[in-house]
C-alpha atoms as a PDB file:
ATOM      1  CA  UNK A   1     117.195 119.664 111.502  1.00  0.00           C
ATOM      2  CA  UNK A   2     117.905 117.237 108.646  1.00  0.00           C
ATOM      3  CA  UNK A   3     120.966 117.542 106.460  1.00  0.00           C
ATOM      4  CA  UNK A   4     120.267 119.225 103.123  1.00  0.00           C
ATOM      5  CA  UNK A   5     122.362 118.162 100.132  1.00  0.00           C
ATOM      6  CA  UNK A   6     122.833 120.599  97.282  1.00  0.00           C
ATOM      7  CA  UNK A   7     123.739 117.919  94.747  1.00  0.00           C
ATOM      8  CA  UNK A   8     123.966 114.183  94.264  1.00  0.00           C
ATOM      9  CA  UNK A   9     127.769 114.508  94.516  1.00  0.00           C
ATOM     10  CA  UNK A  10     127.402 115.938  98.029  1.00  0.00           C
ATOM     11  CA  UNK A  11     125.116 113.046  98.956  1.00  0.00           C
ATOM     12  CA  UNK A  12     127.582 110.498  97.557  1.00  0.00           C
ATOM     13  CA  UNK A  13     130.567 112.089  99.314  1.00  0.00           C
ATOM     14  CA  UNK A  14     128.654 112.083 102.613  1.00  0.00           C
ATOM     15  CA  UNK A  15     127.846 108.382 102.114  1.00  0.00           C
ATOM     16  CA  UNK A  16     131.501 107.519 101.416  1.00  0.00           C
ATOM     17  CA  UNK A  17     132.711 109.495 104.425  1.00  0.00           C
ATOM     18  CA  UNK A  18     130.150 107.927 106.781  1.00  0.00           C
ATOM     19  CA  UNK A  19     130.829 104.420 105.467  1.00  0.00           C
ATOM     20  CA  UNK A  20     134.599 104.631 105.856  1.00  0.00           C
ATOM     21  CA  UNK A  21     134.328 106.193 109.324  1.00  0.00           C
ATOM     22  CA  UNK A  22     131.867 103.514 110.465  1.00  0.00           C
ATOM     23  CA  UNK A  23     133.937 100.624 109.119  1.00  0.00           C
ATOM     24  CA  UNK A  24     137.149 102.107 110.509  1.00  0.00           C
ATOM     25  CA  UNK A  25     135.623 102.481 113.977  1.00  0.00           C
ATOM     26  CA  UNK A  26     133.907  99.060 113.891  1.00  0.00           C
ATOM     27  CA  UNK A  27     137.115  97.282 112.875  1.00  0.00           C
ATOM     28  CA  UNK A  28     139.306  99.302 115.252  1.00  0.00           C
ATOM     29  CA  UNK A  29     141.509 100.598 112.446  1.00  0.00           C
ATOM     30  CA  UNK A  30     143.525 103.713 113.246  1.00  0.00           C
ATOM     31  CA  UNK A  31     144.206 106.593 110.875  1.00  0.00           C
ATOM     32  CA  UNK A  32     147.920 105.864 111.176  1.00  0.00           C
ATOM     33  CA  UNK A  33     147.318 102.389 109.727  1.00  0.00           C
ATOM     34  CA  UNK A  34     145.363 103.846 106.823  1.00  0.00           C
ATOM     35  CA  UNK A  35     148.142 106.367 106.260  1.00  0.00           C
ATOM     36  CA  UNK A  36     150.750 103.608 106.177  1.00  0.00           C
ATOM     37  CA  UNK A  37     148.782 101.705 103.542  1.00  0.00           C
ATOM     38  CA  UNK A  38     148.170 104.796 101.400  1.00  0.00           C
ATOM     39  CA  UNK A  39     151.599 106.323 102.009  1.00  0.00           C
ATOM     40  CA  UNK A  40     150.262 109.564 103.469  1.00  0.00           C
ATOM     41  CA  UNK A  41     150.273 111.340 106.834  1.00  0.00           C
ATOM     42  CA  UNK A  42     147.657 111.034 109.561  1.00  0.00           C
ATOM     43  CA  UNK A  43     146.498 114.566 108.804  1.00  0.00           C
ATOM     44  CA  UNK A  44     146.041 113.723 105.114  1.00  0.00           C
ATOM     45  CA  UNK A  45     144.025 110.638 106.084  1.00  0.00           C
ATOM     46  CA  UNK A  46     141.656 112.752 108.175  1.00  0.00           C
ATOM     47  CA  UNK A  47     141.239 115.160 105.255  1.00  0.00           C
ATOM     48  CA  UNK A  48     140.599 112.333 102.787  1.00  0.00           C
ATOM     49  CA  UNK A  49     137.978 110.771 105.064  1.00  0.00           C
ATOM     50  CA  UNK A  50     136.189 114.049 105.853  1.00  0.00           C
ATOM     51  CA  UNK A  51     136.147 115.153 102.200  1.00  0.00           C
ATOM     52  CA  UNK A  52     135.599 111.612 100.832  1.00  0.00           C
ATOM     53  CA  UNK A  53     138.591 112.172  98.565  1.00  0.00           C
ATOM     54  CA  UNK A  54     139.255 108.528  97.665  1.00  0.00           C
ATOM     55  CA  UNK A  55     139.919 107.214  94.198  1.00  0.00           C
ATOM     56  CA  UNK A  56     139.758 103.604  93.025  1.00  0.00           C
ATOM     57  CA  UNK A  57     143.456 103.049  93.703  1.00  0.00           C
ATOM     58  CA  UNK A  58     143.011 104.171  97.318  1.00  0.00           C
ATOM     59  CA  UNK A  59     140.032 101.857  97.803  1.00  0.00           C
ATOM     60  CA  UNK A  60     141.978  98.985  96.236  1.00  0.00           C
ATOM     61  CA  UNK A  61     144.915  99.577  98.587  1.00  0.00           C
ATOM     62  CA  UNK A  62     142.572  99.648 101.596  1.00  0.00           C
ATOM     63  CA  UNK A  63     140.877  96.359 100.700  1.00  0.00           C
ATOM     64  CA  UNK A  64     142.862  94.261 103.215  1.00  0.00           C
ATOM     65  CA  UNK A  65     142.598  96.786 106.027  1.00  0.00           C
ATOM     66  CA  UNK A  66     138.948  97.790 105.523  1.00  0.00           C
ATOM     67  CA  UNK A  67     137.058  95.233 103.427  1.00  0.00           C
ATOM     68  CA  UNK A  68     134.156  96.557 101.370  1.00  0.00           C
ATOM     69  CA  UNK A  69     131.304  94.520  99.940  1.00  0.00           C
ATOM     70  CA  UNK A  70     130.569  94.620  96.226  1.00  0.00           C
ATOM     71  CA  UNK A  71     127.418  96.640  96.919  1.00  0.00           C
ATOM     72  CA  UNK A  72     129.344  99.202  98.987  1.00  0.00           C
ATOM     73  CA  UNK A  73     131.967  99.574  96.269  1.00  0.00           C
ATOM     74  CA  UNK A  74     129.241  99.992  93.666  1.00  0.00           C
ATOM     75  CA  UNK A  75     127.624 102.770  95.706  1.00  0.00           C
ATOM     76  CA  UNK A  76     130.969 104.485  96.346  1.00  0.00           C
ATOM     77  CA  UNK A  77     131.963 104.639  92.689  1.00  0.00           C
ATOM     78  CA  UNK A  78     128.718 106.157  91.532  1.00  0.00           C
ATOM     79  CA  UNK A  79     125.929 103.640  91.732  1.00  0.00           C
ATOM     80  CA  UNK A  80     122.393 104.569  92.689  1.00  0.00           C
ATOM     81  CA  UNK A  81     120.843 103.566  96.005  1.00  0.00           C
END
């Protein structure tokens, strides 16, 4: 059964979560590494990824560990697909 989104915010959060998980897995980055960059625990990293709770500062700090294209950044900060 397909996923049903109740709002565009839910759709955007799901996109951010999927994108970060996919890039993390593709690049072989561990949650501990992300936590070290952001200054948070492994558990907090898992929460942030699952809830897509990233702000611009977090994305900026992750830029060397998980590079994002301009298009991906545009979509994550509120652009339309």
